Amino acid sequence: MRNGKPIPFETTLLVRDTCLCLHVQRAARTLARRFDDAFRDVGITSGQFSLLMSLNRPDPPTISAVAELLAMDRTTLTAALKPLQRRKLVTISVDRQDRRSRRLSLSAEGRAVLASAVPIWTRTHAEIDKELPRSAAALRKDLMALKD
């Protein structure tokens, strides 16, 4: 229900200055742009790097396992996989034990792209860590405490 009362501008300033969600979203977009720029030469985005890295496992994970790790719903993950499939960086296969389930694998080209991207990630990550006014480890710990 709406009461129609205007919200005071002071409330807008309070939200601008204190809202954790706003500040995390802004930081996430800034970090994503920074990594997107860094990964441009290998032809992937920061989101694609995370997705490819999530597939770098001894056994191919299920779509559900990857969606959970990346905190994505299955529909969003499926959409994110399509350009990687078209570039033949990722393969999707039927699970042998549960034919309703799908497993995700890096192709040889996907592994090569990921291998080229890891040194870029390492360098960019180290640069960002140096720019943080406090410990990156403490920030990670605090952010991980908020996950579902």
N, C-alpha and C. Protein backbone atom coordinates (compact mmCIF):
# COMPACT_ATOMS: atom_id res chain seq x y z
N MET A 1 0.83 -1.18 0.00
CA MET A 1 0.00 0.00 0.00
C MET A 1 0.87 1.24 0.00
N ARG A 2 0.43 2.22 -0.72
CA ARG A 2 1.17 3.47 -0.79
C ARG A 2 0.46 4.52 0.04
N ASN A 3 1.28 5.31 0.76
CA ASN A 3 0.68 6.39 1.51
C ASN A 3 0.85 7.72 0.80
N GLY A 4 1.63 7.76 -0.26
CA GLY A 4 1.77 8.97 -1.06
C GLY A 4 2.64 10.05 -0.45
N LYS A 5 3.17 9.82 0.74
CA LYS A 5 4.01 10.84 1.37
C LYS A 5 5.36 10.91 0.66
N PRO A 6 5.84 12.11 0.42
CA PRO A 6 7.17 12.20 -0.18
C PRO A 6 8.26 11.77 0.81
N ILE A 7 9.28 11.18 0.29
CA ILE A 7 10.41 10.77 1.11
C ILE A 7 11.35 11.96 1.21
N PRO A 8 11.77 12.31 2.40
CA PRO A 8 12.67 13.46 2.52
C PRO A 8 14.01 13.21 1.82
N PHE A 9 14.59 14.27 1.27
CA PHE A 9 15.86 14.15 0.58
C PHE A 9 16.95 13.63 1.51
N GLU A 10 16.84 13.90 2.79
CA GLU A 10 17.80 13.39 3.77
C GLU A 10 17.83 11.86 3.76
N THR A 11 16.69 11.25 3.50
CA THR A 11 16.62 9.79 3.43
C THR A 11 17.39 9.30 2.20
N THR A 12 17.26 10.02 1.11
CA THR A 12 18.01 9.69 -0.10
C THR A 12 19.51 9.74 0.18
N LEU A 13 19.95 10.76 0.87
CA LEU A 13 21.36 10.90 1.21
C LEU A 13 21.82 9.79 2.16
N LEU A 14 20.96 9.44 3.11
CA LEU A 14 21.29 8.36 4.04
C LEU A 14 21.49 7.05 3.28
N VAL A 15 20.57 6.74 2.39
CA VAL A 15 20.68 5.51 1.59
C VAL A 15 21.93 5.57 0.73
N ARG A 16 22.15 6.68 0.07
CA ARG A 16 23.35 6.84 -0.78
C ARG A 16 24.64 6.58 -0.01
N ASP A 17 24.67 7.05 1.21
CA ASP A 17 25.91 6.98 2.00
C ASP A 17 26.07 5.69 2.80
N THR A 18 24.98 4.96 3.07
CA THR A 18 25.08 3.82 3.97
C THR A 18 24.59 2.48 3.42
N CYS A 19 23.91 2.49 2.30
CA CYS A 19 23.31 1.25 1.78
C CYS A 19 24.38 0.26 1.32
N LEU A 20 24.48 -0.86 2.03
CA LEU A 20 25.45 -1.89 1.65
C LEU A 20 25.18 -2.44 0.26
N CYS A 21 23.93 -2.66 -0.06
CA CYS A 21 23.58 -3.20 -1.37
C CYS A 21 24.06 -2.27 -2.48
N LEU A 22 23.80 -0.98 -2.35
CA LEU A 22 24.23 -0.01 -3.34
C LEU A 22 25.75 -0.04 -3.50
N HIS A 23 26.48 -0.02 -2.38
CA HIS A 23 27.94 0.04 -2.44
C HIS A 23 28.55 -1.26 -2.99
N VAL A 24 27.96 -2.39 -2.65
CA VAL A 24 28.45 -3.66 -3.20
C VAL A 24 28.17 -3.72 -4.70
N GLN A 25 26.99 -3.27 -5.13
CA GLN A 25 26.66 -3.27 -6.56
C GLN A 25 27.62 -2.36 -7.33
N ARG A 26 27.89 -1.18 -6.79
CA ARG A 26 28.81 -0.26 -7.46
C ARG A 26 30.21 -0.86 -7.54
N ALA A 27 30.66 -1.44 -6.44
CA ALA A 27 31.99 -2.05 -6.43
C ALA A 27 32.05 -3.23 -7.41
N ALA A 28 30.99 -4.03 -7.44
CA ALA A 28 30.95 -5.18 -8.35
C ALA A 28 31.03 -4.72 -9.81
N ARG A 29 30.30 -3.68 -10.14
CA ARG A 29 30.34 -3.17 -11.52
C ARG A 29 31.73 -2.62 -11.85
N THR A 30 32.34 -1.91 -10.90
CA THR A 30 33.68 -1.37 -11.11
C THR A 30 34.69 -2.49 -11.31
N LEU A 31 34.64 -3.50 -10.45
CA LEU A 31 35.55 -4.64 -10.59
C LEU A 31 35.32 -5.38 -11.91
N ALA A 32 34.06 -5.59 -12.25
CA ALA A 32 33.75 -6.30 -13.51
C ALA A 32 34.31 -5.54 -14.70
N ARG A 33 34.15 -4.21 -14.72
CA ARG A 33 34.70 -3.42 -15.83
C ARG A 33 36.22 -3.54 -15.88
N ARG A 34 36.84 -3.51 -14.72
CA ARG A 34 38.31 -3.60 -14.66
C ARG A 34 38.80 -4.94 -15.22
N PHE A 35 38.15 -6.03 -14.79
CA PHE A 35 38.55 -7.34 -15.30
C PHE A 35 38.13 -7.53 -16.76
N ASP A 36 36.96 -6.99 -17.15
CA ASP A 36 36.56 -7.07 -18.56
C ASP A 36 37.63 -6.43 -19.44
N ASP A 37 38.13 -5.27 -19.04
CA ASP A 37 39.18 -4.61 -19.81
C ASP A 37 40.44 -5.49 -19.85
N ALA A 38 40.79 -6.07 -18.71
CA ALA A 38 42.01 -6.89 -18.64
C ALA A 38 41.89 -8.14 -19.52
N PHE A 39 40.71 -8.74 -19.57
CA PHE A 39 40.52 -9.98 -20.32
C PHE A 39 40.21 -9.76 -21.80
N ARG A 40 40.09 -8.51 -22.20
CA ARG A 40 39.69 -8.22 -23.59
C ARG A 40 40.60 -8.92 -24.62
N ASP A 41 41.90 -8.95 -24.36
CA ASP A 41 42.83 -9.56 -25.31
C ASP A 41 42.63 -11.06 -25.49
N VAL A 42 42.06 -11.75 -24.49
CA VAL A 42 41.79 -13.18 -24.64
C VAL A 42 40.34 -13.43 -25.06
N GLY A 43 39.58 -12.34 -25.22
CA GLY A 43 38.24 -12.45 -25.79
C GLY A 43 37.15 -12.95 -24.86
N ILE A 44 37.33 -12.74 -23.55
CA ILE A 44 36.29 -13.13 -22.60
C ILE A 44 36.00 -11.97 -21.65
N THR A 45 34.88 -12.09 -20.96
CA THR A 45 34.51 -11.11 -19.94
C THR A 45 34.86 -11.67 -18.55
N SER A 46 34.73 -10.83 -17.57
CA SER A 46 34.99 -11.28 -16.19
C SER A 46 34.00 -12.39 -15.80
N GLY A 47 32.76 -12.26 -16.21
CA GLY A 47 31.76 -13.29 -15.91
C GLY A 47 32.09 -14.61 -16.59
N GLN A 48 32.57 -14.52 -17.83
CA GLN A 48 32.95 -15.74 -18.55
C GLN A 48 34.19 -16.37 -17.92
N PHE A 49 35.11 -15.55 -17.43
CA PHE A 49 36.27 -16.10 -16.72
C PHE A 49 35.81 -16.91 -15.50
N SER A 50 34.92 -16.34 -14.71
CA SER A 50 34.41 -17.05 -13.53
C SER A 50 33.71 -18.34 -13.92
N LEU A 51 32.94 -18.29 -14.98
CA LEU A 51 32.23 -19.48 -15.44
C LEU A 51 33.21 -20.54 -15.94
N LEU A 52 34.16 -20.15 -16.76
CA LEU A 52 35.16 -21.10 -17.24
C LEU A 52 35.96 -21.69 -16.07
N MET A 53 36.34 -20.85 -15.13
CA MET A 53 37.11 -21.33 -13.98
C MET A 53 36.28 -22.32 -13.16
N SER A 54 34.98 -22.09 -13.08
CA SER A 54 34.13 -23.01 -12.30
C SER A 54 34.07 -24.40 -12.93
N LEU A 55 34.43 -24.50 -14.20
CA LEU A 55 34.42 -25.80 -14.90
C LEU A 55 35.78 -26.49 -14.83
N ASN A 56 36.76 -25.83 -14.31
CA ASN A 56 38.12 -26.37 -14.23
C ASN A 56 38.21 -27.32 -13.04
N ARG A 57 37.70 -28.52 -13.24
CA ARG A 57 37.62 -29.53 -12.18
C ARG A 57 38.01 -30.89 -12.76
N PRO A 58 38.37 -31.81 -11.87
CA PRO A 58 38.70 -33.16 -12.36
C PRO A 58 37.53 -33.86 -13.04
N ASP A 59 36.31 -33.64 -12.53
CA ASP A 59 35.12 -34.26 -13.11
C ASP A 59 34.16 -33.17 -13.54
N PRO A 60 33.53 -33.33 -14.70
CA PRO A 60 32.60 -32.32 -15.18
C PRO A 60 31.43 -32.11 -14.21
N PRO A 61 31.18 -30.87 -13.80
CA PRO A 61 30.09 -30.60 -12.87
C PRO A 61 28.74 -30.55 -13.60
N THR A 62 27.69 -30.67 -12.83
CA THR A 62 26.34 -30.50 -13.38
C THR A 62 26.04 -29.01 -13.50
N ILE A 63 25.05 -28.71 -14.31
CA ILE A 63 24.60 -27.31 -14.44
C ILE A 63 24.17 -26.80 -13.07
N SER A 64 23.48 -27.62 -12.31
CA SER A 64 23.01 -27.19 -10.98
C SER A 64 24.17 -26.85 -10.06
N ALA A 65 25.22 -27.66 -10.08
CA ALA A 65 26.38 -27.42 -9.21
C ALA A 65 27.06 -26.11 -9.57
N VAL A 66 27.18 -25.84 -10.86
CA VAL A 66 27.82 -24.59 -11.30
C VAL A 66 26.94 -23.40 -10.96
N ALA A 67 25.64 -23.53 -11.19
CA ALA A 67 24.71 -22.45 -10.85
C ALA A 67 24.80 -22.11 -9.37
N GLU A 68 24.87 -23.12 -8.54
CA GLU A 68 24.98 -22.89 -7.10
C GLU A 68 26.29 -22.19 -6.75
N LEU A 69 27.39 -22.66 -7.30
CA LEU A 69 28.69 -22.06 -7.03
C LEU A 69 28.72 -20.58 -7.42
N LEU A 70 28.14 -20.26 -8.57
CA LEU A 70 28.16 -18.89 -9.08
C LEU A 70 26.99 -18.04 -8.59
N ALA A 71 26.14 -18.63 -7.75
CA ALA A 71 24.95 -17.93 -7.22
C ALA A 71 24.08 -17.39 -8.36
N MET A 72 23.85 -18.25 -9.36
CA MET A 72 23.01 -17.91 -10.52
C MET A 72 21.85 -18.89 -10.58
N ASP A 73 20.76 -18.46 -11.17
CA ASP A 73 19.72 -19.45 -11.42
C ASP A 73 20.08 -20.19 -12.71
N ARG A 74 19.49 -21.36 -12.88
CA ARG A 74 19.85 -22.22 -14.01
C ARG A 74 19.58 -21.55 -15.36
N THR A 75 18.52 -20.77 -15.45
CA THR A 75 18.17 -20.09 -16.70
C THR A 75 19.24 -19.08 -17.08
N THR A 76 19.70 -18.31 -16.10
CA THR A 76 20.75 -17.32 -16.36
C THR A 76 22.05 -18.01 -16.75
N LEU A 77 22.37 -19.10 -16.06
CA LEU A 77 23.58 -19.85 -16.39
C LEU A 77 23.49 -20.42 -17.81
N THR A 78 22.36 -20.97 -18.16
CA THR A 78 22.18 -21.54 -19.50
C THR A 78 22.40 -20.46 -20.56
N ALA A 79 21.87 -19.26 -20.32
CA ALA A 79 22.07 -18.15 -21.26
C ALA A 79 23.55 -17.76 -21.32
N ALA A 80 24.23 -17.76 -20.18
CA ALA A 80 25.65 -17.38 -20.14
C ALA A 80 26.52 -18.42 -20.84
N LEU A 81 26.07 -19.67 -20.87
CA LEU A 81 26.83 -20.73 -21.52
C LEU A 81 26.77 -20.66 -23.05
N LYS A 82 25.70 -20.12 -23.59
CA LYS A 82 25.49 -20.15 -25.05
C LYS A 82 26.65 -19.54 -25.84
N PRO A 83 27.13 -18.33 -25.50
CA PRO A 83 28.25 -17.80 -26.30
C PRO A 83 29.53 -18.63 -26.14
N LEU A 84 29.72 -19.23 -24.97
CA LEU A 84 30.89 -20.08 -24.76
C LEU A 84 30.77 -21.37 -25.55
N GLN A 85 29.57 -21.88 -25.67
CA GLN A 85 29.34 -23.06 -26.52
C GLN A 85 29.57 -22.73 -27.98
N ARG A 86 29.04 -21.58 -28.43
CA ARG A 86 29.21 -21.18 -29.83
C ARG A 86 30.69 -21.04 -30.19
N ARG A 87 31.49 -20.56 -29.23
CA ARG A 87 32.93 -20.42 -29.46
C ARG A 87 33.68 -21.73 -29.25
N LYS A 88 32.93 -22.75 -28.89
CA LYS A 88 33.49 -24.10 -28.64
C LYS A 88 34.50 -24.10 -27.48
N LEU A 89 34.22 -23.28 -26.46
CA LEU A 89 35.05 -23.26 -25.25
C LEU A 89 34.50 -24.21 -24.20
N VAL A 90 33.21 -24.52 -24.31
CA VAL A 90 32.51 -25.36 -23.34
C VAL A 90 31.69 -26.39 -24.09
N THR A 91 31.62 -27.59 -23.52
CA THR A 91 30.73 -28.62 -24.07
C THR A 91 29.72 -29.01 -22.99
N ILE A 92 28.54 -29.35 -23.44
CA ILE A 92 27.47 -29.81 -22.54
C ILE A 92 27.11 -31.22 -22.97
N SER A 93 27.13 -32.13 -22.02
CA SER A 93 26.82 -33.53 -22.34
C SER A 93 25.79 -34.07 -21.36
N VAL A 94 25.15 -35.13 -21.76
CA VAL A 94 24.17 -35.80 -20.92
C VAL A 94 24.91 -36.56 -19.82
N ASP A 95 24.42 -36.46 -18.60
CA ASP A 95 24.99 -37.19 -17.47
C ASP A 95 24.71 -38.67 -17.68
N ARG A 96 25.72 -39.50 -17.56
CA ARG A 96 25.55 -40.94 -17.79
C ARG A 96 24.66 -41.61 -16.74
N GLN A 97 24.72 -41.09 -15.49
CA GLN A 97 23.92 -41.71 -14.44
C GLN A 97 22.48 -41.17 -14.38
N ASP A 98 22.30 -39.91 -14.77
CA ASP A 98 20.97 -39.30 -14.74
C ASP A 98 20.78 -38.57 -16.07
N ARG A 99 20.11 -39.21 -17.00
CA ARG A 99 19.99 -38.67 -18.35
C ARG A 99 19.22 -37.35 -18.40
N ARG A 100 18.54 -36.98 -17.31
CA ARG A 100 17.85 -35.68 -17.28
C ARG A 100 18.82 -34.55 -16.98
N SER A 101 19.96 -34.89 -16.44
CA SER A 101 20.95 -33.90 -16.01
C SER A 101 22.01 -33.69 -17.09
N ARG A 102 22.61 -32.49 -17.07
CA ARG A 102 23.66 -32.15 -18.03
C ARG A 102 24.95 -31.84 -17.28
N ARG A 103 26.07 -32.20 -17.90
CA ARG A 103 27.39 -31.95 -17.33
C ARG A 103 28.13 -30.97 -18.24
N LEU A 104 28.92 -30.13 -17.62
CA LEU A 104 29.64 -29.08 -18.34
C LEU A 104 31.14 -29.36 -18.31
N SER A 105 31.79 -29.17 -19.46
CA SER A 105 33.23 -29.41 -19.56
C SER A 105 33.89 -28.29 -20.35
N LEU A 106 35.13 -28.03 -20.00
CA LEU A 106 35.96 -27.16 -20.82
C LEU A 106 36.45 -27.96 -22.02
N SER A 107 36.39 -27.37 -23.19
CA SER A 107 37.00 -28.00 -24.36
C SER A 107 38.50 -27.70 -24.31
N ALA A 108 39.25 -28.28 -25.23
CA ALA A 108 40.69 -27.98 -25.30
C ALA A 108 40.90 -26.48 -25.52
N GLU A 109 40.09 -25.88 -26.38
CA GLU A 109 40.22 -24.45 -26.63
C GLU A 109 39.81 -23.65 -25.38
N GLY A 110 38.80 -24.13 -24.67
CA GLY A 110 38.39 -23.46 -23.43
C GLY A 110 39.51 -23.49 -22.40
N ARG A 111 40.19 -24.63 -22.30
CA ARG A 111 41.33 -24.73 -21.37
C ARG A 111 42.45 -23.78 -21.79
N ALA A 112 42.68 -23.65 -23.09
CA ALA A 112 43.72 -22.74 -23.59
C ALA A 112 43.37 -21.29 -23.28
N VAL A 113 42.13 -20.90 -23.49
CA VAL A 113 41.70 -19.53 -23.17
C VAL A 113 41.86 -19.29 -21.67
N LEU A 114 41.43 -20.24 -20.87
CA LEU A 114 41.54 -20.09 -19.43
C LEU A 114 43.01 -19.99 -19.00
N ALA A 115 43.86 -20.79 -19.61
CA ALA A 115 45.30 -20.75 -19.28
C ALA A 115 45.88 -19.38 -19.64
N SER A 116 45.42 -18.77 -20.71
CA SER A 116 45.88 -17.42 -21.07
C SER A 116 45.32 -16.36 -20.12
N ALA A 117 44.13 -16.60 -19.61
CA ALA A 117 43.47 -15.62 -18.75
C ALA A 117 43.98 -15.62 -17.31
N VAL A 118 44.44 -16.76 -16.82
CA VAL A 118 44.85 -16.85 -15.41
C VAL A 118 45.98 -15.87 -15.06
N PRO A 119 47.04 -15.75 -15.87
CA PRO A 119 48.07 -14.76 -15.52
C PRO A 119 47.53 -13.32 -15.51
N ILE A 120 46.59 -13.04 -16.39
CA ILE A 120 45.96 -11.71 -16.43
C ILE A 120 45.17 -11.50 -15.15
N TRP A 121 44.40 -12.51 -14.74
CA TRP A 121 43.64 -12.43 -13.49
C TRP A 121 44.59 -12.22 -12.31
N THR A 122 45.67 -12.97 -12.27
CA THR A 122 46.63 -12.88 -11.16
C THR A 122 47.19 -11.47 -11.07
N ARG A 123 47.62 -10.93 -12.19
CA ARG A 123 48.20 -9.58 -12.21
C ARG A 123 47.16 -8.53 -11.82
N THR A 124 45.99 -8.60 -12.41
CA THR A 124 44.94 -7.61 -12.14
C THR A 124 44.49 -7.70 -10.69
N HIS A 125 44.34 -8.91 -10.21
CA HIS A 125 43.92 -9.12 -8.83
C HIS A 125 44.94 -8.54 -7.86
N ALA A 126 46.21 -8.74 -8.12
CA ALA A 126 47.27 -8.20 -7.25
C ALA A 126 47.24 -6.67 -7.25
N GLU A 127 47.00 -6.08 -8.42
CA GLU A 127 46.92 -4.62 -8.51
C GLU A 127 45.76 -4.09 -7.67
N ILE A 128 44.62 -4.76 -7.76
CA ILE A 128 43.44 -4.33 -7.00
C ILE A 128 43.68 -4.52 -5.50
N ASP A 129 44.26 -5.64 -5.12
CA ASP A 129 44.57 -5.88 -3.70
C ASP A 129 45.41 -4.74 -3.13
N LYS A 130 46.37 -4.26 -3.90
CA LYS A 130 47.24 -3.16 -3.43
C LYS A 130 46.48 -1.85 -3.26
N GLU A 131 45.43 -1.67 -4.05
CA GLU A 131 44.66 -0.43 -4.00
C GLU A 131 43.68 -0.38 -2.83
N LEU A 132 43.36 -1.53 -2.27
CA LEU A 132 42.38 -1.56 -1.18
C LEU A 132 42.99 -0.97 0.09
N PRO A 133 42.22 -0.16 0.79
CA PRO A 133 42.75 0.46 2.00
C PRO A 133 42.92 -0.52 3.16
N ARG A 134 42.23 -1.63 3.10
CA ARG A 134 42.33 -2.65 4.14
C ARG A 134 42.61 -4.00 3.49
N SER A 135 42.68 -5.00 4.30
CA SER A 135 43.00 -6.34 3.82
C SER A 135 41.94 -6.89 2.87
N ALA A 136 42.41 -7.36 1.72
CA ALA A 136 41.51 -8.02 0.77
C ALA A 136 40.95 -9.30 1.39
N ALA A 137 41.76 -9.97 2.20
CA ALA A 137 41.30 -11.22 2.85
C ALA A 137 40.13 -10.91 3.80
N ALA A 138 40.22 -9.82 4.53
CA ALA A 138 39.14 -9.45 5.45
C ALA A 138 37.87 -9.11 4.66
N LEU A 139 38.03 -8.39 3.56
CA LEU A 139 36.88 -8.06 2.71
C LEU A 139 36.22 -9.32 2.18
N ARG A 140 37.03 -10.26 1.66
CA ARG A 140 36.48 -11.53 1.16
C ARG A 140 35.72 -12.26 2.27
N LYS A 141 36.31 -12.31 3.46
CA LYS A 141 35.67 -13.00 4.58
C LYS A 141 34.32 -12.36 4.90
N ASP A 142 34.29 -11.04 4.94
CA ASP A 142 33.03 -10.34 5.24
C ASP A 142 31.99 -10.61 4.16
N LEU A 143 32.40 -10.57 2.90
CA LEU A 143 31.45 -10.81 1.80
C LEU A 143 30.95 -12.25 1.80
N MET A 144 31.85 -13.19 2.10
CA MET A 144 31.44 -14.60 2.11
C MET A 144 30.46 -14.88 3.27
N ALA A 145 30.53 -14.09 4.31
CA ALA A 145 29.59 -14.27 5.43
C ALA A 145 28.16 -13.95 5.01
N LEU A 146 27.98 -13.21 3.93
CA LEU A 146 26.66 -12.82 3.48
C LEU A 146 26.02 -13.80 2.51
N LYS A 147 26.77 -14.78 2.02
CA LYS A 147 26.18 -15.69 1.02
C LYS A 147 25.09 -16.53 1.66
N ASP A 148 24.22 -17.04 0.79
CA ASP A 148 23.06 -17.83 1.26
C ASP A 148 23.51 -19.06 2.03
